[in-house]
Amino acid sequence: MTHRTSLRARALPAVAAAGLLVPVVAGAAPASAATAPQVSCTSGKAGLAAKLQRDITAALSTRAGTVAVGLRDRATNTTCTLRATTSYDSASVVKVTVLATLLWDAKKTNRYLTSRETNLATAMITKSDNAATTSLWNQLGVTKVKGFLTAAGMTRTVPGSGGYWGLTRIDVTDEQRLLALITARNTVLSDNSRTYILKLMGNVIASQRWGTPAGAPSSVSVHVKNGWLQRATRGWRVHSVGTFQGGGHDYTVSVLTDGNSTMTYGVNTIQAVSKVIHRDLFPTATAASLYTPTTTPKEAYVAVPQG
């Protein structure tokens, strides 16, 4: 039985200091209070949907900006969504899509990645290296990226034009679809490809392991990719996508935000949501066993178009 509840009612543009001119892409405008979308959850476990809906709503009640949330736990047949189709500039979370495209394309010709590709992929995911991403993006080309998106059913994701991969437009629905492909057998990505993506997401450097892992029990395997970007309109975009498995759960979490006054503000919003999700899925976990993210996240975002 399913229980349902819903509350009523070319390179990444740099910060201004870098002196780079970039195209202006308007972000999604915040909804008015009267029409603001509400958290909606369903679950095969009695009481869990209502608890998640209530706690995610409470975690966001004092937060400014526009926040989108996606949760899916296969073990309890649980999903939660908020602004599922609101579109955001991707920043560096698109790097998971770039890697998936590379592996999908290699699979079509039954070849292994070259040592150069392996080195670039490792730097792109584990250190969020922009130059490595630009090299792979240029190698693949937008046509192959679009081919992967079609195969993956990520119909609302729009690759950034002019080489601006960080301005790819994404939403929670498509990010959750991508994470689903990475974490379960399918015909788009091979088992080896999925294992490889998870390995790199599990080896992200310490200073970038903030966001969705916040509050996860230590018994759960954590795989994460984050991104952030400041633009002239709508402030900071700060995002985190993660996969988690263990303790009787197998779940994915995507939190996308914009309209943040600072990067840290966006990080704190994401972690407030993530903490209540992990807590509700693992209500008996002790505080000592919870994952503590880095307090000073760092990531270089200045990059120059190549080619």
C-alpha atoms as a PDB file:
ATOM      1  CA  MET A   1       0.000   0.000   0.000  1.00  0.00           C
ATOM      2  CA  THR A   2       1.298   3.467  -0.870  1.00  0.00           C
ATOM      3  CA  HIS A   3       0.814   6.321   1.555  1.00  0.00           C
ATOM      4  CA  ARG A   4       0.694   9.846   0.139  1.00  0.00           C
ATOM      5  CA  THR A   5       0.767  13.256   1.696  1.00  0.00           C
ATOM      6  CA  SER A   6       1.154  16.835   0.491  1.00  0.00           C
ATOM      7  CA  LEU A   7       1.068  20.131   2.372  1.00  0.00           C
ATOM      8  CA  ARG A   8      -1.983  22.186   1.531  1.00  0.00           C
ATOM      9  CA  ALA A   9      -2.977  24.507  -0.396  1.00  0.00           C
ATOM     10  CA  ARG A  10      31.809  26.687 -23.362  1.00  0.00           C
ATOM     11  CA  ALA A  11      33.294  27.003 -19.690  1.00  0.00           C
ATOM     12  CA  LEU A  12      31.611  27.946 -16.540  1.00  0.00           C
ATOM     13  CA  PRO A  13      31.158  31.707 -16.050  1.00  0.00           C
ATOM     14  CA  ALA A  14      33.371  32.976 -13.287  1.00  0.00           C
ATOM     15  CA  VAL A  15      32.660  35.294 -10.412  1.00  0.00           C
ATOM     16  CA  ALA A  16      32.762  38.984 -11.207  1.00  0.00           C
ATOM     17  CA  ALA A  17      36.302  39.366  -9.907  1.00  0.00           C
ATOM     18  CA  ALA A  18      37.585  37.196 -12.719  1.00  0.00           C
ATOM     19  CA  GLY A  19      36.537  39.805 -15.237  1.00  0.00           C
ATOM     20  CA  LEU A  20      34.904  37.425 -17.692  1.00  0.00           C
ATOM     21  CA  LEU A  21      31.843  38.449 -19.652  1.00  0.00           C
ATOM     22  CA  VAL A  22      29.184  35.770 -19.886  1.00  0.00           C
ATOM     23  CA  PRO A  23      25.701  35.593 -21.355  1.00  0.00           C
ATOM     24  CA  VAL A  24      22.850  36.459 -19.011  1.00  0.00           C
ATOM     25  CA  VAL A  25      20.438  33.606 -18.476  1.00  0.00           C
ATOM     26  CA  ALA A  26      17.481  34.401 -16.287  1.00  0.00           C
ATOM     27  CA  GLY A  27      16.848  31.898 -13.531  1.00  0.00           C
ATOM     28  CA  ALA A  28      13.416  30.708 -12.519  1.00  0.00           C
ATOM     29  CA  ALA A  29      11.537  33.443 -10.722  1.00  0.00           C
ATOM     30  CA  PRO A  30      10.382  32.640  -7.204  1.00  0.00           C
ATOM     31  CA  ALA A  31       6.703  31.874  -6.878  1.00  0.00           C
ATOM     32  CA  SER A  32       4.514  34.112  -4.792  1.00  0.00           C
ATOM     33  CA  ALA A  33       3.584  32.981  -1.322  1.00  0.00           C
ATOM     34  CA  ALA A  34       0.040  32.187  -2.425  1.00  0.00           C
ATOM     35  CA  THR A  35       1.141  29.873  -5.235  1.00  0.00           C
ATOM     36  CA  ALA A  36       4.449  28.529  -3.922  1.00  0.00           C
ATOM     37  CA  PRO A  37       4.835  24.809  -4.640  1.00  0.00           C
ATOM     38  CA  GLN A  38       4.726  22.495  -1.661  1.00  0.00           C
ATOM     39  CA  VAL A  39       6.706  19.404  -0.718  1.00  0.00           C
ATOM     40  CA  SER A  40       4.929  16.245  -1.855  1.00  0.00           C
ATOM     41  CA  CYS A  41       5.908  12.787  -0.601  1.00  0.00           C
ATOM     42  CA  THR A  42       4.732   9.216  -1.094  1.00  0.00           C
ATOM     43  CA  SER A  43       5.940   6.087   0.675  1.00  0.00           C
ATOM     44  CA  GLY A  44       5.290   2.412   1.049  1.00  0.00           C
ATOM     45  CA  LYS A  45       6.112   2.755   4.743  1.00  0.00           C
ATOM     46  CA  ALA A  46       3.289   4.017   6.921  1.00  0.00           C
ATOM     47  CA  GLY A  47       3.869   7.458   8.366  1.00  0.00           C
ATOM     48  CA  LEU A  48       7.146   8.135   6.538  1.00  0.00           C
ATOM     49  CA  ALA A  49       5.693  10.318   3.773  1.00  0.00           C
ATOM     50  CA  ALA A  50       3.939  12.607   6.249  1.00  0.00           C
ATOM     51  CA  LYS A  51       7.060  12.907   8.384  1.00  0.00           C
ATOM     52  CA  LEU A  52       9.333  13.713   5.465  1.00  0.00           C
ATOM     53  CA  GLN A  53       6.895  16.241   4.036  1.00  0.00           C
ATOM     54  CA  ARG A  54       6.569  17.976   7.383  1.00  0.00           C
ATOM     55  CA  ASP A  55      10.289  17.993   8.188  1.00  0.00           C
ATOM     56  CA  ILE A  56      11.528  19.109   4.752  1.00  0.00           C
ATOM     57  CA  THR A  57       8.953  21.898   4.786  1.00  0.00           C
ATOM     58  CA  ALA A  58      10.102  22.973   8.250  1.00  0.00           C
ATOM     59  CA  ALA A  59      13.767  22.887   7.224  1.00  0.00           C
ATOM     60  CA  LEU A  60      13.016  25.299   4.389  1.00  0.00           C
ATOM     61  CA  SER A  61      10.552  27.522   6.226  1.00  0.00           C
ATOM     62  CA  THR A  62      13.121  30.189   7.102  1.00  0.00           C
ATOM     63  CA  ARG A  63      15.329  29.847   4.022  1.00  0.00           C
ATOM     64  CA  ALA A  64      15.403  32.423   1.244  1.00  0.00           C
ATOM     65  CA  GLY A  65      15.976  31.589  -2.413  1.00  0.00           C
ATOM     66  CA  THR A  66      14.385  29.014  -4.698  1.00  0.00           C
ATOM     67  CA  VAL A  67      14.966  25.407  -3.638  1.00  0.00           C
ATOM     68  CA  ALA A  68      14.136  22.189  -5.500  1.00  0.00           C
ATOM     69  CA  VAL A  69      14.303  18.784  -3.796  1.00  0.00           C
ATOM     70  CA  GLY A  70      14.188  15.220  -5.045  1.00  0.00           C
ATOM     71  CA  LEU A  71      14.338  12.048  -2.929  1.00  0.00           C
ATOM     72  CA  ARG A  72      13.859   8.432  -3.891  1.00  0.00           C
ATOM     73  CA  ASP A  73      14.399   5.427  -1.634  1.00  0.00           C
ATOM     74  CA  ARG A  74      13.947   2.116  -3.429  1.00  0.00           C
ATOM     75  CA  ALA A  75      13.867   0.124  -0.198  1.00  0.00           C
ATOM     76  CA  THR A  76      10.732   1.807   1.171  1.00  0.00           C
ATOM     77  CA  ASN A  77       9.281   2.940  -2.166  1.00  0.00           C
ATOM     78  CA  THR A  78       9.551   6.528  -0.962  1.00  0.00           C
ATOM     79  CA  THR A  79       9.704   9.688  -3.063  1.00  0.00           C
ATOM     80  CA  CYS A  80       9.623  13.381  -2.232  1.00  0.00           C
ATOM     81  CA  THR A  81       9.590  16.286  -4.656  1.00  0.00           C
ATOM     82  CA  LEU A  82       9.607  20.055  -4.500  1.00  0.00           C
ATOM     83  CA  ARG A  83       9.793  22.170  -7.679  1.00  0.00           C
ATOM     84  CA  ALA A  84      10.494  19.000  -9.649  1.00  0.00           C
ATOM     85  CA  THR A  85      10.599  20.760 -13.019  1.00  0.00           C
ATOM     86  CA  THR A  86      12.028  24.168 -12.065  1.00  0.00           C
ATOM     87  CA  SER A  87      15.127  24.804 -14.181  1.00  0.00           C
ATOM     88  CA  TYR A  88      18.535  25.882 -12.839  1.00  0.00           C
ATOM     89  CA  ASP A  89      21.999  26.634 -14.198  1.00  0.00           C
ATOM     90  CA  SER A  90      23.836  23.375 -13.601  1.00  0.00           C
ATOM     91  CA  ALA A  91      27.217  24.623 -12.405  1.00  0.00           C
ATOM     92  CA  SER A  92      29.479  21.612 -11.790  1.00  0.00           C
ATOM     93  CA  VAL A  93      26.831  18.977 -11.120  1.00  0.00           C
ATOM     94  CA  VAL A  94      26.693  18.615 -14.929  1.00  0.00           C
ATOM     95  CA  LYS A  95      30.068  16.895 -14.664  1.00  0.00           C
ATOM     96  CA  VAL A  96      28.297  13.653 -13.737  1.00  0.00           C
ATOM     97  CA  THR A  97      26.343  13.920 -16.990  1.00  0.00           C
ATOM     98  CA  VAL A  98      29.582  14.553 -18.907  1.00  0.00           C
ATOM     99  CA  LEU A  99      31.129  11.409 -17.426  1.00  0.00           C
ATOM    100  CA  ALA A 100      28.006   9.364 -18.108  1.00  0.00           C
ATOM    101  CA  THR A 101      27.996  10.583 -21.711  1.00  0.00           C
ATOM    102  CA  LEU A 102      31.653   9.604 -22.129  1.00  0.00           C
ATOM    103  CA  LEU A 103      31.000   6.085 -20.819  1.00  0.00           C
ATOM    104  CA  TRP A 104      27.769   5.706 -22.811  1.00  0.00           C
ATOM    105  CA  ASP A 105      29.583   6.714 -25.997  1.00  0.00           C
ATOM    106  CA  ALA A 106      32.476   4.349 -25.310  1.00  0.00           C
ATOM    107  CA  LYS A 107      30.033   1.502 -24.704  1.00  0.00           C
ATOM    108  CA  LYS A 108      28.563   1.956 -28.187  1.00  0.00           C
ATOM    109  CA  THR A 109      31.907   1.027 -29.757  1.00  0.00           C
ATOM    110  CA  ASN A 110      32.771  -1.503 -27.038  1.00  0.00           C
ATOM    111  CA  ARG A 111      35.950   0.278 -26.027  1.00  0.00           C
ATOM    112  CA  TYR A 112      37.659   1.101 -22.762  1.00  0.00           C
ATOM    113  CA  LEU A 113      38.479   4.666 -21.768  1.00  0.00           C
ATOM    114  CA  THR A 114      41.979   5.787 -22.693  1.00  0.00           C
ATOM    115  CA  SER A 115      44.460   6.697 -19.967  1.00  0.00           C
ATOM    116  CA  ARG A 116      43.975  10.348 -20.938  1.00  0.00           C
ATOM    117  CA  GLU A 117      40.205  10.066 -20.554  1.00  0.00           C
ATOM    118  CA  THR A 118      40.565   8.273 -17.239  1.00  0.00           C
ATOM    119  CA  ASN A 119      42.834  11.000 -15.890  1.00  0.00           C
ATOM    120  CA  LEU A 120      40.485  13.746 -17.075  1.00  0.00           C
ATOM    121  CA  ALA A 121      37.408  11.988 -15.668  1.00  0.00           C
ATOM    122  CA  THR A 122      39.067  11.461 -12.297  1.00  0.00           C
ATOM    123  CA  ALA A 123      40.087  15.115 -12.030  1.00  0.00           C
ATOM    124  CA  MET A 124      36.661  16.277 -13.218  1.00  0.00           C
ATOM    125  CA  ILE A 125      34.690  14.381 -10.574  1.00  0.00           C
ATOM    126  CA  THR A 126      36.993  14.034  -7.581  1.00  0.00           C
ATOM    127  CA  LYS A 127      38.447  17.579  -7.726  1.00  0.00           C
ATOM    128  CA  SER A 128      35.813  19.275  -9.891  1.00  0.00           C
ATOM    129  CA  ASP A 129      38.548  20.278 -12.338  1.00  0.00           C
ATOM    130  CA  ASN A 130      37.132  22.692 -14.908  1.00  0.00           C
ATOM    131  CA  ALA A 131      39.891  22.359 -17.498  1.00  0.00           C
ATOM    132  CA  ALA A 132      39.413  18.582 -17.526  1.00  0.00           C
ATOM    133  CA  THR A 133      35.667  19.075 -17.999  1.00  0.00           C
ATOM    134  CA  THR A 134      36.199  21.487 -20.873  1.00  0.00           C
ATOM    135  CA  SER A 135      38.498  18.957 -22.585  1.00  0.00           C
ATOM    136  CA  LEU A 136      35.929  16.164 -22.313  1.00  0.00           C
ATOM    137  CA  TRP A 137      33.027  18.456 -23.265  1.00  0.00           C
ATOM    138  CA  ASN A 138      34.882  19.565 -26.409  1.00  0.00           C
ATOM    139  CA  GLN A 139      35.843  15.984 -27.235  1.00  0.00           C
ATOM    140  CA  LEU A 140      32.272  14.744 -26.966  1.00  0.00           C
ATOM    141  CA  GLY A 141      30.505  17.703 -28.510  1.00  0.00           C
ATOM    142  CA  VAL A 142      26.954  18.789 -27.762  1.00  0.00           C
ATOM    143  CA  THR A 143      25.499  16.270 -30.231  1.00  0.00           C
ATOM    144  CA  LYS A 144      26.766  13.310 -28.190  1.00  0.00           C
ATOM    145  CA  VAL A 145      25.654  14.936 -24.944  1.00  0.00           C
ATOM    146  CA  LYS A 146      22.176  15.334 -26.395  1.00  0.00           C
ATOM    147  CA  GLY A 147      22.285  11.720 -27.558  1.00  0.00           C
ATOM    148  CA  PHE A 148      22.963  10.538 -24.032  1.00  0.00           C
ATOM    149  CA  LEU A 149      20.242  12.772 -22.592  1.00  0.00           C
ATOM    150  CA  THR A 150      17.746  11.259 -25.030  1.00  0.00           C
ATOM    151  CA  ALA A 151      18.812   7.707 -24.185  1.00  0.00           C
ATOM    152  CA  ALA A 152      18.611   8.496 -20.475  1.00  0.00           C
ATOM    153  CA  GLY A 153      15.158  10.060 -20.726  1.00  0.00           C
ATOM    154  CA  MET A 154      16.508  13.354 -19.390  1.00  0.00           C
ATOM    155  CA  THR A 155      14.198  15.285 -21.665  1.00  0.00           C
ATOM    156  CA  ARG A 156      14.269  18.601 -19.781  1.00  0.00           C
ATOM    157  CA  THR A 157      18.049  18.998 -19.574  1.00  0.00           C
ATOM    158  CA  VAL A 158      19.429  21.504 -22.095  1.00  0.00           C
ATOM    159  CA  PRO A 159      23.206  21.543 -22.726  1.00  0.00           C
ATOM    160  CA  GLY A 160      24.875  24.925 -22.387  1.00  0.00           C
ATOM    161  CA  SER A 161      25.599  26.585 -25.713  1.00  0.00           C
ATOM    162  CA  GLY A 162      28.810  28.137 -26.942  1.00  0.00           C
ATOM    163  CA  GLY A 163      30.903  25.780 -24.824  1.00  0.00           C
ATOM    164  CA  TYR A 164      29.414  27.011 -21.539  1.00  0.00           C
ATOM    165  CA  TRP A 165      28.840  23.577 -20.028  1.00  0.00           C
ATOM    166  CA  GLY A 166      28.158  25.168 -16.614  1.00  0.00           C
ATOM    167  CA  LEU A 167      25.086  26.885 -18.036  1.00  0.00           C
ATOM    168  CA  THR A 168      23.430  23.593 -18.906  1.00  0.00           C
ATOM    169  CA  ARG A 169      19.843  23.836 -17.668  1.00  0.00           C
ATOM    170  CA  ILE A 170      18.849  21.070 -15.287  1.00  0.00           C
ATOM    171  CA  ASP A 171      16.009  20.164 -12.955  1.00  0.00           C
ATOM    172  CA  VAL A 172      15.492  17.766 -10.062  1.00  0.00           C
ATOM    173  CA  THR A 173      13.466  15.310 -12.149  1.00  0.00           C
ATOM    174  CA  ASP A 174      16.280  14.728 -14.625  1.00  0.00           C
ATOM    175  CA  GLU A 175      18.987  14.680 -11.953  1.00  0.00           C
ATOM    176  CA  GLN A 176      17.064  11.972 -10.122  1.00  0.00           C
ATOM    177  CA  ARG A 177      16.744  10.036 -13.374  1.00  0.00           C
ATOM    178  CA  LEU A 178      20.504  10.211 -13.834  1.00  0.00           C
ATOM    179  CA  LEU A 179      21.156   9.031 -10.283  1.00  0.00           C
ATOM    180  CA  ALA A 180      18.688   6.190 -10.816  1.00  0.00           C
ATOM    181  CA  LEU A 181      20.654   5.052 -13.876  1.00  0.00           C
ATOM    182  CA  ILE A 182      23.892   5.173 -11.910  1.00  0.00           C
ATOM    183  CA  THR A 183      22.529   3.109  -9.012  1.00  0.00           C
ATOM    184  CA  ALA A 184      20.571   0.306 -10.719  1.00  0.00           C
ATOM    185  CA  ARG A 185      21.048  -1.965 -13.726  1.00  0.00           C
ATOM    186  CA  ASN A 186      19.773  -0.557 -16.996  1.00  0.00           C
ATOM    187  CA  THR A 187      20.404  -0.642 -20.742  1.00  0.00           C
ATOM    188  CA  VAL A 188      21.892   2.854 -20.972  1.00  0.00           C
ATOM    189  CA  LEU A 189      24.950   2.462 -18.733  1.00  0.00           C
ATOM    190  CA  SER A 190      26.848  -0.791 -18.293  1.00  0.00           C
ATOM    191  CA  ASP A 191      27.439  -2.214 -14.839  1.00  0.00           C
ATOM    192  CA  ASN A 192      31.133  -1.351 -15.159  1.00  0.00           C
ATOM    193  CA  SER A 193      30.245   2.229 -16.090  1.00  0.00           C
ATOM    194  CA  ARG A 194      27.928   2.591 -13.113  1.00  0.00           C
ATOM    195  CA  THR A 195      30.557   1.198 -10.769  1.00  0.00           C
ATOM    196  CA  TYR A 196      33.140   3.598 -12.161  1.00  0.00           C
ATOM    197  CA  ILE A 197      30.925   6.660 -11.730  1.00  0.00           C
ATOM    198  CA  LEU A 198      30.096   5.684  -8.158  1.00  0.00           C
ATOM    199  CA  LYS A 199      33.767   5.053  -7.410  1.00  0.00           C
ATOM    200  CA  LEU A 200      34.721   8.573  -8.477  1.00  0.00           C
ATOM    201  CA  MET A 201      31.746  10.170  -6.679  1.00  0.00           C
ATOM    202  CA  GLY A 202      32.797   8.243  -3.594  1.00  0.00           C
ATOM    203  CA  ASN A 203      36.330   9.637  -3.782  1.00  0.00           C
ATOM    204  CA  VAL A 204      35.544  13.351  -3.967  1.00  0.00           C
ATOM    205  CA  ILE A 205      38.157  15.358  -2.069  1.00  0.00           C
ATOM    206  CA  ALA A 206      37.321  16.254   1.519  1.00  0.00           C
ATOM    207  CA  SER A 207      36.735  19.968   0.902  1.00  0.00           C
ATOM    208  CA  GLN A 208      33.960  19.144  -1.581  1.00  0.00           C
ATOM    209  CA  ARG A 209      32.076  16.490   0.395  1.00  0.00           C
ATOM    210  CA  TRP A 210      29.459  18.893   1.727  1.00  0.00           C
ATOM    211  CA  GLY A 211      25.773  19.068   0.867  1.00  0.00           C
ATOM    212  CA  THR A 212      23.557  16.011   0.578  1.00  0.00           C
ATOM    213  CA  PRO A 213      25.814  13.768   2.715  1.00  0.00           C
ATOM    214  CA  ALA A 214      25.164  15.962   5.780  1.00  0.00           C
ATOM    215  CA  GLY A 215      23.640  13.827   8.519  1.00  0.00           C
ATOM    216  CA  ALA A 216      23.982  10.456   6.790  1.00  0.00           C
ATOM    217  CA  PRO A 217      24.821   7.570   9.131  1.00  0.00           C
ATOM    218  CA  SER A 218      28.421   6.337   8.956  1.00  0.00           C
ATOM    219  CA  SER A 219      27.092   2.898   7.978  1.00  0.00           C
ATOM    220  CA  VAL A 220      25.842   4.299   4.661  1.00  0.00           C
ATOM    221  CA  SER A 221      28.039   4.537   1.556  1.00  0.00           C
ATOM    222  CA  VAL A 222      28.169   8.125   0.272  1.00  0.00           C
ATOM    223  CA  HIS A 223      28.661   9.311  -3.314  1.00  0.00           C
ATOM    224  CA  VAL A 224      28.335  13.025  -4.051  1.00  0.00           C
ATOM    225  CA  LYS A 225      28.872  15.749  -6.638  1.00  0.00           C
ATOM    226  CA  ASN A 226      28.403  19.421  -5.850  1.00  0.00           C
ATOM    227  CA  GLY A 227      28.529  22.669  -7.734  1.00  0.00           C
ATOM    228  CA  TRP A 228      28.150  26.372  -7.234  1.00  0.00           C
ATOM    229  CA  LEU A 229      28.138  29.476  -9.360  1.00  0.00           C
ATOM    230  CA  GLN A 230      27.606  33.183  -8.782  1.00  0.00           C
ATOM    231  CA  ARG A 231      25.926  35.239 -11.502  1.00  0.00           C
ATOM    232  CA  ALA A 232      24.778  38.823 -11.891  1.00  0.00           C
ATOM    233  CA  THR A 233      21.134  37.758 -11.551  1.00  0.00           C
ATOM    234  CA  ARG A 234      19.633  35.548  -8.828  1.00  0.00           C
ATOM    235  CA  GLY A 235      22.822  35.420  -6.775  1.00  0.00           C
ATOM    236  CA  TRP A 236      24.499  32.093  -6.091  1.00  0.00           C
ATOM    237  CA  ARG A 237      23.420  28.777  -7.572  1.00  0.00           C
ATOM    238  CA  VAL A 238      24.438  26.015  -5.134  1.00  0.00           C
ATOM    239  CA  HIS A 239      23.603  22.362  -5.817  1.00  0.00           C
ATOM    240  CA  SER A 240      24.313  18.889  -4.440  1.00  0.00           C
ATOM    241  CA  VAL A 241      23.382  15.437  -5.752  1.00  0.00           C
ATOM    242  CA  GLY A 242      24.156  12.226  -3.895  1.00  0.00           C
ATOM    243  CA  THR A 243      23.512   8.508  -3.710  1.00  0.00           C
ATOM    244  CA  PHE A 244      23.376   6.544  -0.459  1.00  0.00           C
ATOM    245  CA  GLN A 245      23.166   2.831   0.297  1.00  0.00           C
ATOM    246  CA  GLY A 246      23.192   0.808   3.495  1.00  0.00           C
ATOM    247  CA  GLY A 247      21.251   0.161   6.658  1.00  0.00           C
ATOM    248  CA  GLY A 248      18.281  -1.165   4.710  1.00  0.00           C
ATOM    249  CA  HIS A 249      18.007   1.857   2.422  1.00  0.00           C
ATOM    250  CA  ASP A 250      19.017   2.611  -1.178  1.00  0.00           C
ATOM    251  CA  TYR A 251      18.304   6.237  -1.945  1.00  0.00           C
ATOM    252  CA  THR A 252      19.226   9.280  -4.016  1.00  0.00           C
ATOM    253  CA  VAL A 253      18.918  12.938  -3.084  1.00  0.00           C
ATOM    254  CA  SER A 254      19.094  16.021  -5.308  1.00  0.00           C
ATOM    255  CA  VAL A 255      18.883  19.558  -3.937  1.00  0.00           C
ATOM    256  CA  LEU A 256      19.162  22.503  -6.338  1.00  0.00           C
ATOM    257  CA  THR A 257      19.107  26.122  -5.187  1.00  0.00           C
ATOM    258  CA  ASP A 258      19.462  29.645  -6.488  1.00  0.00           C
ATOM    259  CA  GLY A 259      18.797  33.137  -5.172  1.00  0.00           C
ATOM    260  CA  ASN A 260      21.350  32.591  -2.382  1.00  0.00           C
ATOM    261  CA  SER A 261      23.059  35.673  -0.946  1.00  0.00           C
ATOM    262  CA  THR A 262      26.317  33.758  -0.500  1.00  0.00           C
ATOM    263  CA  MET A 263      27.650  30.335  -1.350  1.00  0.00           C
ATOM    264  CA  THR A 264      27.681  29.356   2.313  1.00  0.00           C
ATOM    265  CA  TYR A 265      24.024  30.283   2.641  1.00  0.00           C
ATOM    266  CA  GLY A 266      23.167  27.853  -0.167  1.00  0.00           C
ATOM    267  CA  VAL A 267      25.304  25.109   1.370  1.00  0.00           C
ATOM    268  CA  ASN A 268      23.522  25.537   4.695  1.00  0.00           C
ATOM    269  CA  THR A 269      20.116  25.323   3.015  1.00  0.00           C
ATOM    270  CA  ILE A 270      21.050  22.081   1.265  1.00  0.00           C
ATOM    271  CA  GLN A 271      22.429  20.589   4.454  1.00  0.00           C
ATOM    272  CA  ALA A 272      19.361  21.545   6.470  1.00  0.00           C
ATOM    273  CA  VAL A 273      17.187  19.586   4.037  1.00  0.00           C
ATOM    274  CA  SER A 274      19.618  16.668   3.822  1.00  0.00           C
ATOM    275  CA  LYS A 275      19.897  16.272   7.581  1.00  0.00           C
ATOM    276  CA  VAL A 276      16.158  15.809   8.054  1.00  0.00           C
ATOM    277  CA  ILE A 277      15.963  13.340   5.162  1.00  0.00           C
ATOM    278  CA  HIS A 278      18.687  11.139   6.645  1.00  0.00           C
ATOM    279  CA  ARG A 279      17.193  11.509  10.132  1.00  0.00           C
ATOM    280  CA  ASP A 280      13.739  10.443   8.988  1.00  0.00           C
ATOM    281  CA  LEU A 281      15.097   7.435   7.098  1.00  0.00           C
ATOM    282  CA  PHE A 282      17.315   6.459  10.055  1.00  0.00           C
ATOM    283  CA  PRO A 283      15.443   7.648  13.167  1.00  0.00           C
ATOM    284  CA  THR A 284      17.512   5.501  15.542  1.00  0.00           C
ATOM    285  CA  ALA A 285      20.949   6.637  14.314  1.00  0.00           C
ATOM    286  CA  THR A 286      23.050   8.202  17.056  1.00  0.00           C
ATOM    287  CA  ALA A 287      24.568  11.651  16.667  1.00  0.00           C
ATOM    288  CA  ALA A 288      28.074  10.206  16.953  1.00  0.00           C
ATOM    289  CA  SER A 289      27.499   8.042  13.877  1.00  0.00           C
ATOM    290  CA  LEU A 290      26.323  10.821  11.566  1.00  0.00           C
ATOM    291  CA  TYR A 291      28.412  12.074   8.677  1.00  0.00           C
ATOM    292  CA  THR A 292      29.792  15.553   9.328  1.00  0.00           C
ATOM    293  CA  PRO A 293      30.496  17.527   6.148  1.00  0.00           C
ATOM    294  CA  THR A 294      33.335  19.983   5.732  1.00  0.00           C
ATOM    295  CA  THR A 295      32.667  23.384   7.237  1.00  0.00           C
ATOM    296  CA  THR A 296      34.687  25.338   4.657  1.00  0.00           C
ATOM    297  CA  PRO A 297      33.748  24.094   1.185  1.00  0.00           C
ATOM    298  CA  LYS A 298      36.111  25.086  -1.583  1.00  0.00           C
ATOM    299  CA  GLU A 299      35.908  24.730  -5.331  1.00  0.00           C
ATOM    300  CA  ALA A 300      37.524  26.649  -8.169  1.00  0.00           C
ATOM    301  CA  TYR A 301      35.079  27.812 -10.801  1.00  0.00           C
ATOM    302  CA  VAL A 302      37.125  30.154 -12.956  1.00  0.00           C
ATOM    303  CA  ALA A 303      37.662  28.614 -16.362  1.00  0.00           C
ATOM    304  CA  VAL A 304      38.452  29.914 -19.822  1.00  0.00           C
ATOM    305  CA  PRO A 305      36.902  28.548 -23.042  1.00  0.00           C
ATOM    306  CA  GLN A 306      39.224  26.337 -25.026  1.00  0.00           C
ATOM    307  CA  GLY A 307      39.255  25.590 -28.734  1.00  0.00           C
END
